[in-house]
Amino acid sequence: MNSSTFEIGSPIVHPIHGAGILKEVAKKTIRGKLMSYYVIDFPYSDLGQVMVPVDMAEKVGLRSVNTKNNIDELFSFLSEAFTEAEEEESKSFHQRYRDYLDKIQSGDLIQVAKVYRLLCRRSMLKPLGTKDKSLYETARQLLTSEIVFSKNISDELASKMLDEAMEDMIF
């Protein structure tokens, strides 16, 4: 989406921090140059606020919140049976971690959901390690924040919907 179409007060998604509200477009002088920044509040995160240069919005990956239809597709994906490819865990921990991190940072909702789904399944089989648990929590927060804004519901309800989708997951 073209970054110039973001409206103050509307939900906006940062690929790393999740969904928030565009609070304002602030102007700051940095090294003698006047620059415009999107100021984004993240009410469902401990983060608080982030400033993104307007001219870097596309490169950073700022986008509008997914539609309700896309969120419904997300829930369908989460409850699908696992494929043979997903069943394979042949990668080393470091390769898997890097792959998961890349998917989370992509800003693509389905890629984030893939990580969440795989780590959720793994957590049902054995306790997650520290790094996997951190990735799981990050993916969950990103999904929850986008569901909140897309469906205009509370974060508690969005979390409950995620939990219910994972309960339906077929092994």
N, C-alpha and C. Protein backbone atom coordinates (compact mmCIF):
# COMPACT_ATOMS: atom_id res chain seq x y z
N MET A 1 0.85 -1.19 0.00
CA MET A 1 0.00 0.00 0.00
C MET A 1 0.88 1.23 0.00
N ASN A 2 0.50 2.24 -0.71
CA ASN A 2 1.22 3.49 -0.73
C ASN A 2 1.11 4.14 0.64
N SER A 3 2.25 4.51 1.20
CA SER A 3 2.27 5.04 2.57
C SER A 3 1.54 6.37 2.70
N SER A 4 1.36 7.09 1.60
CA SER A 4 0.69 8.38 1.69
C SER A 4 -0.81 8.23 1.93
N THR A 5 -1.32 7.01 1.85
CA THR A 5 -2.75 6.79 2.03
C THR A 5 -3.12 6.45 3.48
N PHE A 6 -2.16 6.37 4.38
CA PHE A 6 -2.46 6.10 5.78
C PHE A 6 -3.10 7.34 6.39
N GLU A 7 -4.18 7.12 7.14
CA GLU A 7 -4.89 8.23 7.77
C GLU A 7 -4.67 8.22 9.27
N ILE A 8 -4.52 9.40 9.85
CA ILE A 8 -4.37 9.53 11.29
C ILE A 8 -5.61 8.94 11.97
N GLY A 9 -5.36 8.12 12.99
CA GLY A 9 -6.44 7.47 13.72
C GLY A 9 -6.80 6.09 13.19
N SER A 10 -6.21 5.72 12.05
CA SER A 10 -6.53 4.40 11.47
C SER A 10 -5.50 3.37 11.91
N PRO A 11 -5.92 2.08 11.90
CA PRO A 11 -4.97 1.02 12.24
C PRO A 11 -3.92 0.87 11.14
N ILE A 12 -2.73 0.53 11.56
CA ILE A 12 -1.60 0.36 10.64
C ILE A 12 -0.75 -0.77 11.19
N VAL A 13 -0.15 -1.56 10.31
CA VAL A 13 0.65 -2.70 10.74
C VAL A 13 2.13 -2.47 10.46
N HIS A 14 2.93 -2.65 11.50
CA HIS A 14 4.38 -2.64 11.38
C HIS A 14 4.78 -4.11 11.36
N PRO A 15 5.61 -4.55 10.40
CA PRO A 15 5.89 -5.98 10.27
C PRO A 15 6.54 -6.62 11.49
N ILE A 16 7.22 -5.85 12.29
CA ILE A 16 7.90 -6.42 13.46
C ILE A 16 7.11 -6.20 14.74
N HIS A 17 6.40 -5.10 14.83
CA HIS A 17 5.72 -4.75 16.08
C HIS A 17 4.22 -5.06 16.08
N GLY A 18 3.66 -5.39 14.93
CA GLY A 18 2.25 -5.72 14.86
C GLY A 18 1.38 -4.52 14.52
N ALA A 19 0.10 -4.65 14.84
CA ALA A 19 -0.87 -3.60 14.50
C ALA A 19 -0.95 -2.56 15.60
N GLY A 20 -1.10 -1.33 15.18
CA GLY A 20 -1.26 -0.21 16.10
C GLY A 20 -2.12 0.85 15.45
N ILE A 21 -2.14 2.00 16.07
CA ILE A 21 -2.93 3.13 15.57
C ILE A 21 -1.98 4.25 15.15
N LEU A 22 -2.21 4.78 13.95
CA LEU A 22 -1.42 5.92 13.50
C LEU A 22 -1.89 7.14 14.28
N LYS A 23 -1.06 7.60 15.19
CA LYS A 23 -1.43 8.70 16.08
C LYS A 23 -1.27 10.06 15.41
N GLU A 24 -0.16 10.23 14.71
CA GLU A 24 0.10 11.53 14.07
C GLU A 24 1.23 11.40 13.06
N VAL A 25 1.38 12.44 12.26
CA VAL A 25 2.54 12.58 11.40
C VAL A 25 3.33 13.75 11.99
N ALA A 26 4.46 13.42 12.60
CA ALA A 26 5.26 14.43 13.30
C ALA A 26 6.40 14.91 12.39
N LYS A 27 6.78 16.15 12.57
CA LYS A 27 7.91 16.69 11.83
C LYS A 27 9.04 16.95 12.81
N LYS A 28 10.23 16.48 12.45
CA LYS A 28 11.42 16.66 13.28
C LYS A 28 12.58 17.07 12.40
N THR A 29 13.43 17.89 12.96
CA THR A 29 14.63 18.27 12.24
C THR A 29 15.76 17.36 12.71
N ILE A 30 16.29 16.59 11.76
CA ILE A 30 17.38 15.67 12.03
C ILE A 30 18.56 16.06 11.14
N ARG A 31 19.68 16.38 11.78
CA ARG A 31 20.88 16.82 11.05
C ARG A 31 20.58 17.94 10.08
N GLY A 32 19.78 18.88 10.52
CA GLY A 32 19.45 20.05 9.73
C GLY A 32 18.41 19.83 8.64
N LYS A 33 17.86 18.63 8.57
CA LYS A 33 16.86 18.32 7.55
C LYS A 33 15.52 18.06 8.22
N LEU A 34 14.46 18.73 7.74
CA LEU A 34 13.12 18.53 8.27
C LEU A 34 12.55 17.24 7.68
N MET A 35 12.15 16.32 8.59
CA MET A 35 11.63 15.03 8.14
C MET A 35 10.28 14.77 8.78
N SER A 36 9.43 14.03 8.06
CA SER A 36 8.12 13.63 8.57
C SER A 36 8.19 12.18 9.04
N TYR A 37 7.53 11.93 10.18
CA TYR A 37 7.51 10.59 10.77
C TYR A 37 6.08 10.18 11.10
N TYR A 38 5.78 8.91 10.82
CA TYR A 38 4.54 8.33 11.32
C TYR A 38 4.78 7.98 12.78
N VAL A 39 3.89 8.41 13.66
CA VAL A 39 3.96 8.05 15.07
C VAL A 39 2.85 7.03 15.30
N ILE A 40 3.25 5.81 15.65
CA ILE A 40 2.31 4.70 15.78
C ILE A 40 2.27 4.24 17.23
N ASP A 41 1.06 4.20 17.79
CA ASP A 41 0.84 3.67 19.14
C ASP A 41 0.50 2.19 19.03
N PHE A 42 1.04 1.39 19.94
CA PHE A 42 0.77 -0.04 19.99
C PHE A 42 0.11 -0.38 21.31
N PRO A 43 -1.22 -0.23 21.39
CA PRO A 43 -1.92 -0.42 22.67
C PRO A 43 -1.92 -1.85 23.17
N TYR A 44 -1.65 -2.84 22.31
CA TYR A 44 -1.68 -4.24 22.74
C TYR A 44 -0.29 -4.83 22.85
N SER A 45 0.67 -3.95 23.07
CA SER A 45 2.06 -4.37 23.18
C SER A 45 2.72 -3.55 24.30
N ASP A 46 3.78 -4.07 24.85
CA ASP A 46 4.54 -3.32 25.85
C ASP A 46 5.38 -2.23 25.21
N LEU A 47 5.43 -2.22 23.90
CA LEU A 47 6.29 -1.32 23.16
C LEU A 47 5.92 0.15 23.34
N GLY A 48 4.65 0.47 23.31
CA GLY A 48 4.23 1.86 23.43
C GLY A 48 4.10 2.53 22.09
N GLN A 49 5.20 3.15 21.63
CA GLN A 49 5.14 3.98 20.43
C GLN A 49 6.37 3.78 19.56
N VAL A 50 6.19 3.90 18.24
CA VAL A 50 7.30 3.82 17.29
C VAL A 50 7.14 4.95 16.29
N MET A 51 8.26 5.52 15.89
CA MET A 51 8.27 6.55 14.84
C MET A 51 8.96 5.97 13.62
N VAL A 52 8.29 6.08 12.47
CA VAL A 52 8.84 5.57 11.21
C VAL A 52 8.88 6.72 10.22
N PRO A 53 10.05 7.00 9.63
CA PRO A 53 10.10 8.06 8.62
C PRO A 53 9.10 7.77 7.49
N VAL A 54 8.32 8.78 7.12
CA VAL A 54 7.30 8.62 6.08
C VAL A 54 7.93 8.09 4.80
N ASP A 55 9.11 8.62 4.43
CA ASP A 55 9.73 8.19 3.18
C ASP A 55 10.34 6.78 3.26
N MET A 56 10.34 6.17 4.45
CA MET A 56 10.85 4.80 4.62
C MET A 56 9.71 3.80 4.88
N ALA A 57 8.47 4.28 4.90
CA ALA A 57 7.33 3.43 5.27
C ALA A 57 7.23 2.19 4.40
N GLU A 58 7.38 2.35 3.10
CA GLU A 58 7.25 1.21 2.20
C GLU A 58 8.40 0.23 2.41
N LYS A 59 9.61 0.75 2.56
CA LYS A 59 10.77 -0.10 2.77
C LYS A 59 10.67 -0.86 4.10
N VAL A 60 10.18 -0.20 5.14
CA VAL A 60 9.99 -0.84 6.44
C VAL A 60 8.91 -1.90 6.35
N GLY A 61 7.92 -1.67 5.50
CA GLY A 61 6.84 -2.65 5.31
C GLY A 61 5.55 -2.27 6.00
N LEU A 62 5.37 -0.98 6.32
CA LEU A 62 4.09 -0.55 6.91
C LEU A 62 2.97 -0.85 5.93
N ARG A 63 1.85 -1.31 6.46
CA ARG A 63 0.71 -1.63 5.61
C ARG A 63 -0.57 -1.46 6.40
N SER A 64 -1.69 -1.50 5.68
CA SER A 64 -2.99 -1.46 6.33
C SER A 64 -3.29 -2.81 6.95
N VAL A 65 -4.22 -2.84 7.89
CA VAL A 65 -4.65 -4.07 8.53
C VAL A 65 -5.37 -4.93 7.51
N ASN A 66 -5.20 -6.25 7.61
CA ASN A 66 -5.89 -7.18 6.71
C ASN A 66 -7.40 -7.07 6.89
N THR A 67 -8.10 -7.42 5.84
CA THR A 67 -9.57 -7.39 5.88
C THR A 67 -10.09 -8.56 6.72
N LYS A 68 -11.36 -8.47 7.07
CA LYS A 68 -11.98 -9.56 7.84
C LYS A 68 -11.90 -10.88 7.08
N ASN A 69 -12.05 -10.82 5.75
CA ASN A 69 -11.97 -12.05 4.94
C ASN A 69 -10.60 -12.69 5.05
N ASN A 70 -9.54 -11.87 5.02
CA ASN A 70 -8.19 -12.40 5.16
C ASN A 70 -7.97 -13.01 6.54
N ILE A 71 -8.57 -12.42 7.55
CA ILE A 71 -8.45 -12.95 8.91
C ILE A 71 -9.20 -14.28 9.00
N ASP A 72 -10.35 -14.37 8.35
CA ASP A 72 -11.08 -15.64 8.32
C ASP A 72 -10.25 -16.72 7.63
N GLU A 73 -9.53 -16.35 6.55
CA GLU A 73 -8.64 -17.28 5.86
C GLU A 73 -7.51 -17.71 6.80
N LEU A 74 -7.03 -16.78 7.62
CA LEU A 74 -5.99 -17.09 8.60
C LEU A 74 -6.46 -18.20 9.55
N PHE A 75 -7.68 -18.07 10.05
CA PHE A 75 -8.20 -19.08 10.97
C PHE A 75 -8.39 -20.42 10.26
N SER A 76 -8.78 -20.40 9.01
CA SER A 76 -8.89 -21.65 8.25
C SER A 76 -7.52 -22.30 8.13
N PHE A 77 -6.52 -21.51 7.83
CA PHE A 77 -5.15 -22.03 7.71
C PHE A 77 -4.68 -22.64 9.03
N LEU A 78 -4.93 -21.95 10.13
CA LEU A 78 -4.45 -22.42 11.43
C LEU A 78 -5.03 -23.78 11.80
N SER A 79 -6.23 -24.07 11.37
CA SER A 79 -6.87 -25.32 11.78
C SER A 79 -6.68 -26.46 10.78
N GLU A 80 -5.91 -26.23 9.70
CA GLU A 80 -5.67 -27.29 8.71
C GLU A 80 -4.78 -28.38 9.28
N ALA A 81 -4.86 -29.55 8.67
CA ALA A 81 -3.97 -30.67 9.04
C ALA A 81 -2.55 -30.34 8.59
N PHE A 82 -1.59 -30.89 9.28
CA PHE A 82 -0.19 -30.69 8.93
C PHE A 82 0.17 -31.52 7.71
N THR A 83 1.04 -30.96 6.86
CA THR A 83 1.51 -31.67 5.67
C THR A 83 2.77 -32.44 6.03
N GLU A 84 3.18 -33.34 5.15
CA GLU A 84 4.41 -34.10 5.38
C GLU A 84 5.61 -33.16 5.48
N ALA A 85 5.63 -32.12 4.64
CA ALA A 85 6.75 -31.18 4.67
C ALA A 85 6.83 -30.48 6.03
N GLU A 86 5.67 -30.12 6.59
CA GLU A 86 5.67 -29.48 7.90
C GLU A 86 6.09 -30.44 9.00
N GLU A 87 5.80 -31.71 8.79
CA GLU A 87 6.14 -32.73 9.78
C GLU A 87 7.65 -32.90 9.91
N GLU A 88 8.37 -32.69 8.81
CA GLU A 88 9.81 -32.90 8.82
C GLU A 88 10.50 -31.82 9.65
N GLU A 89 11.38 -32.25 10.50
CA GLU A 89 12.16 -31.33 11.33
C GLU A 89 13.64 -31.57 11.07
N SER A 90 14.02 -31.67 9.80
CA SER A 90 15.39 -32.04 9.47
C SER A 90 16.38 -30.88 9.61
N LYS A 91 15.89 -29.66 9.67
CA LYS A 91 16.79 -28.52 9.80
C LYS A 91 17.38 -28.48 11.21
N SER A 92 18.58 -27.93 11.30
CA SER A 92 19.17 -27.73 12.62
C SER A 92 18.40 -26.63 13.35
N PHE A 93 18.58 -26.55 14.64
CA PHE A 93 17.89 -25.52 15.42
C PHE A 93 18.18 -24.13 14.86
N HIS A 94 19.45 -23.87 14.55
CA HIS A 94 19.83 -22.52 14.07
C HIS A 94 19.20 -22.21 12.72
N GLN A 95 19.14 -23.19 11.82
CA GLN A 95 18.49 -22.98 10.52
C GLN A 95 16.99 -22.73 10.71
N ARG A 96 16.39 -23.51 11.57
CA ARG A 96 14.96 -23.39 11.83
C ARG A 96 14.65 -22.03 12.48
N TYR A 97 15.46 -21.63 13.45
CA TYR A 97 15.27 -20.35 14.13
C TYR A 97 15.36 -19.20 13.13
N ARG A 98 16.36 -19.21 12.26
CA ARG A 98 16.55 -18.15 11.26
C ARG A 98 15.35 -18.11 10.31
N ASP A 99 14.89 -19.29 9.89
CA ASP A 99 13.74 -19.40 9.00
C ASP A 99 12.48 -18.82 9.68
N TYR A 100 12.26 -19.19 10.91
CA TYR A 100 11.11 -18.68 11.66
C TYR A 100 11.20 -17.17 11.84
N LEU A 101 12.37 -16.67 12.18
CA LEU A 101 12.56 -15.24 12.38
C LEU A 101 12.29 -14.47 11.09
N ASP A 102 12.80 -14.99 9.98
CA ASP A 102 12.56 -14.35 8.67
C ASP A 102 11.07 -14.29 8.35
N LYS A 103 10.35 -15.37 8.65
CA LYS A 103 8.91 -15.40 8.38
C LYS A 103 8.18 -14.39 9.26
N ILE A 104 8.55 -14.31 10.51
CA ILE A 104 7.91 -13.36 11.42
C ILE A 104 8.16 -11.93 10.97
N GLN A 105 9.40 -11.64 10.57
CA GLN A 105 9.76 -10.28 10.18
C GLN A 105 9.29 -9.91 8.78
N SER A 106 8.74 -10.87 8.03
CA SER A 106 8.28 -10.60 6.67
C SER A 106 7.07 -9.66 6.65
N GLY A 107 6.30 -9.67 7.75
CA GLY A 107 5.08 -8.86 7.78
C GLY A 107 3.90 -9.55 7.11
N ASP A 108 4.12 -10.72 6.54
CA ASP A 108 3.07 -11.49 5.87
C ASP A 108 2.33 -12.30 6.93
N LEU A 109 1.05 -12.04 7.06
CA LEU A 109 0.23 -12.65 8.10
C LEU A 109 0.27 -14.18 8.06
N ILE A 110 0.22 -14.76 6.87
CA ILE A 110 0.23 -16.22 6.75
C ILE A 110 1.60 -16.78 7.14
N GLN A 111 2.67 -16.08 6.81
CA GLN A 111 4.01 -16.54 7.22
C GLN A 111 4.14 -16.52 8.74
N VAL A 112 3.61 -15.48 9.36
CA VAL A 112 3.62 -15.39 10.83
C VAL A 112 2.78 -16.53 11.40
N ALA A 113 1.64 -16.79 10.78
CA ALA A 113 0.75 -17.87 11.23
C ALA A 113 1.43 -19.23 11.11
N LYS A 114 2.25 -19.42 10.07
CA LYS A 114 2.97 -20.69 9.91
C LYS A 114 3.88 -20.93 11.11
N VAL A 115 4.61 -19.89 11.50
CA VAL A 115 5.51 -20.02 12.65
C VAL A 115 4.71 -20.30 13.91
N TYR A 116 3.66 -19.54 14.12
CA TYR A 116 2.82 -19.71 15.31
C TYR A 116 2.27 -21.13 15.38
N ARG A 117 1.78 -21.61 14.26
CA ARG A 117 1.17 -22.93 14.18
C ARG A 117 2.18 -24.03 14.48
N LEU A 118 3.36 -23.93 13.86
CA LEU A 118 4.40 -24.95 14.08
C LEU A 118 4.89 -24.95 15.53
N LEU A 119 5.09 -23.75 16.08
CA LEU A 119 5.58 -23.68 17.46
C LEU A 119 4.49 -24.08 18.45
N CYS A 120 3.25 -23.78 18.14
CA CYS A 120 2.15 -24.21 19.00
C CYS A 120 2.09 -25.73 19.03
N ARG A 121 2.21 -26.32 17.87
CA ARG A 121 2.19 -27.79 17.79
C ARG A 121 3.37 -28.38 18.55
N ARG A 122 4.55 -27.80 18.34
CA ARG A 122 5.74 -28.30 19.04
C ARG A 122 5.56 -28.20 20.55
N SER A 123 4.93 -27.10 21.01
CA SER A 123 4.74 -26.91 22.46
C SER A 123 3.79 -27.95 23.05
N MET A 124 2.93 -28.51 22.19
CA MET A 124 2.02 -29.56 22.66
C MET A 124 2.74 -30.90 22.80
N LEU A 125 3.86 -31.04 22.09
CA LEU A 125 4.62 -32.28 22.11
C LEU A 125 5.72 -32.27 23.17
N LYS A 126 6.32 -31.09 23.37
CA LYS A 126 7.37 -30.95 24.37
C LYS A 126 7.53 -29.46 24.69
N PRO A 127 8.10 -29.15 25.85
CA PRO A 127 8.27 -27.74 26.22
C PRO A 127 9.19 -27.01 25.22
N LEU A 128 8.84 -25.78 24.91
CA LEU A 128 9.65 -24.99 24.00
C LEU A 128 10.89 -24.45 24.72
N GLY A 129 11.98 -24.35 23.98
CA GLY A 129 13.18 -23.71 24.50
C GLY A 129 12.97 -22.21 24.58
N THR A 130 13.90 -21.51 25.16
CA THR A 130 13.79 -20.07 25.37
C THR A 130 13.57 -19.30 24.07
N LYS A 131 14.38 -19.59 23.05
CA LYS A 131 14.27 -18.85 21.79
C LYS A 131 12.97 -19.19 21.06
N ASP A 132 12.61 -20.47 21.05
CA ASP A 132 11.35 -20.85 20.41
C ASP A 132 10.17 -20.24 21.13
N LYS A 133 10.23 -20.20 22.45
CA LYS A 133 9.13 -19.61 23.23
C LYS A 133 9.00 -18.12 22.92
N SER A 134 10.13 -17.44 22.78
CA SER A 134 10.11 -16.02 22.44
C SER A 134 9.50 -15.80 21.05
N LEU A 135 9.88 -16.63 20.08
CA LEU A 135 9.30 -16.52 18.73
C LEU A 135 7.81 -16.81 18.75
N TYR A 136 7.41 -17.80 19.54
CA TYR A 136 6.00 -18.16 19.67
C TYR A 136 5.20 -16.97 20.22
N GLU A 137 5.70 -16.36 21.27
CA GLU A 137 5.02 -15.21 21.88
C GLU A 137 4.97 -14.02 20.92
N THR A 138 6.04 -13.79 20.18
CA THR A 138 6.06 -12.70 19.20
C THR A 138 5.03 -12.95 18.11
N ALA A 139 5.00 -14.16 17.57
CA ALA A 139 4.04 -14.49 16.51
C ALA A 139 2.61 -14.35 17.04
N ARG A 140 2.38 -14.81 18.25
CA ARG A 140 1.05 -14.71 18.86
C ARG A 140 0.63 -13.24 19.01
N GLN A 141 1.54 -12.39 19.46
CA GLN A 141 1.24 -10.97 19.65
C GLN A 141 0.94 -10.30 18.31
N LEU A 142 1.72 -10.64 17.28
CA LEU A 142 1.49 -10.05 15.95
C LEU A 142 0.12 -10.46 15.41
N LEU A 143 -0.21 -11.73 15.54
CA LEU A 143 -1.51 -12.22 15.06
C LEU A 143 -2.66 -11.60 15.86
N THR A 144 -2.51 -11.59 17.17
CA THR A 144 -3.57 -11.04 18.03
C THR A 144 -3.84 -9.59 17.71
N SER A 145 -2.78 -8.79 17.59
CA SER A 145 -2.99 -7.36 17.34
C SER A 145 -3.70 -7.12 16.02
N GLU A 146 -3.37 -7.90 15.01
CA GLU A 146 -4.03 -7.71 13.71
C GLU A 146 -5.49 -8.17 13.76
N ILE A 147 -5.76 -9.26 14.47
CA ILE A 147 -7.14 -9.73 14.62
C ILE A 147 -7.98 -8.68 15.34
N VAL A 148 -7.42 -8.07 16.38
CA VAL A 148 -8.12 -7.04 17.16
C VAL A 148 -8.61 -5.92 16.24
N PHE A 149 -7.71 -5.40 15.42
CA PHE A 149 -8.07 -4.26 14.57
C PHE A 149 -8.92 -4.67 13.37
N SER A 150 -8.66 -5.85 12.83
CA SER A 150 -9.42 -6.29 11.66
C SER A 150 -10.88 -6.58 12.01
N LYS A 151 -11.08 -7.24 13.15
CA LYS A 151 -12.44 -7.65 13.53
C LYS A 151 -13.07 -6.68 14.54
N ASN A 152 -12.30 -5.67 14.95
CA ASN A 152 -12.79 -4.67 15.91
C ASN A 152 -13.30 -5.35 17.19
N ILE A 153 -12.42 -6.16 17.78
CA ILE A 153 -12.75 -6.90 19.01
C ILE A 153 -11.65 -6.66 20.05
N SER A 154 -11.88 -7.13 21.27
CA SER A 154 -10.89 -6.97 22.33
C SER A 154 -9.72 -7.93 22.12
N ASP A 155 -8.60 -7.60 22.74
CA ASP A 155 -7.45 -8.49 22.63
C ASP A 155 -7.71 -9.82 23.34
N GLU A 156 -8.52 -9.80 24.39
CA GLU A 156 -8.86 -11.05 25.09
C GLU A 156 -9.64 -11.98 24.15
N LEU A 157 -10.60 -11.42 23.42
CA LEU A 157 -11.40 -12.23 22.49
C LEU A 157 -10.52 -12.73 21.33
N ALA A 158 -9.65 -11.87 20.84
CA ALA A 158 -8.75 -12.28 19.76
C ALA A 158 -7.85 -13.43 20.22
N SER A 159 -7.33 -13.36 21.43
CA SER A 159 -6.49 -14.44 21.98
C SER A 159 -7.29 -15.72 22.12
N LYS A 160 -8.52 -15.58 22.58
CA LYS A 160 -9.39 -16.74 22.74
C LYS A 160 -9.66 -17.39 21.38
N MET A 161 -9.88 -16.57 20.35
CA MET A 161 -10.13 -17.09 19.01
C MET A 161 -8.90 -17.86 18.50
N LEU A 162 -7.70 -17.33 18.77
CA LEU A 162 -6.48 -18.03 18.38
C LEU A 162 -6.38 -19.37 19.10
N ASP A 163 -6.64 -19.35 20.41
CA ASP A 163 -6.59 -20.60 21.19
C ASP A 163 -7.57 -21.63 20.65
N GLU A 164 -8.78 -21.19 20.33
CA GLU A 164 -9.80 -22.10 19.81
C GLU A 164 -9.41 -22.66 18.45
N ALA A 165 -8.79 -21.83 17.61
CA ALA A 165 -8.34 -22.30 16.30
C ALA A 165 -7.28 -23.38 16.46
N MET A 166 -6.41 -23.22 17.45
CA MET A 166 -5.36 -24.20 17.66
C MET A 166 -5.91 -25.48 18.30
N GLU A 167 -6.99 -25.37 19.06
CA GLU A 167 -7.62 -26.57 19.63
C GLU A 167 -8.18 -27.45 18.52
N ASP A 168 -8.60 -26.82 17.43
CA ASP A 168 -9.17 -27.56 16.30
C ASP A 168 -8.10 -28.15 15.37
N MET A 169 -6.84 -27.80 15.63
CA MET A 169 -5.74 -28.23 14.77
C MET A 169 -5.69 -29.76 14.73
N ILE A 170 -5.55 -30.28 13.53
CA ILE A 170 -5.51 -31.73 13.35
C ILE A 170 -4.05 -32.17 13.26
N PHE A 171 -3.68 -33.16 14.05
CA PHE A 171 -2.28 -33.68 14.02
C PHE A 171 -2.15 -34.71 12.94
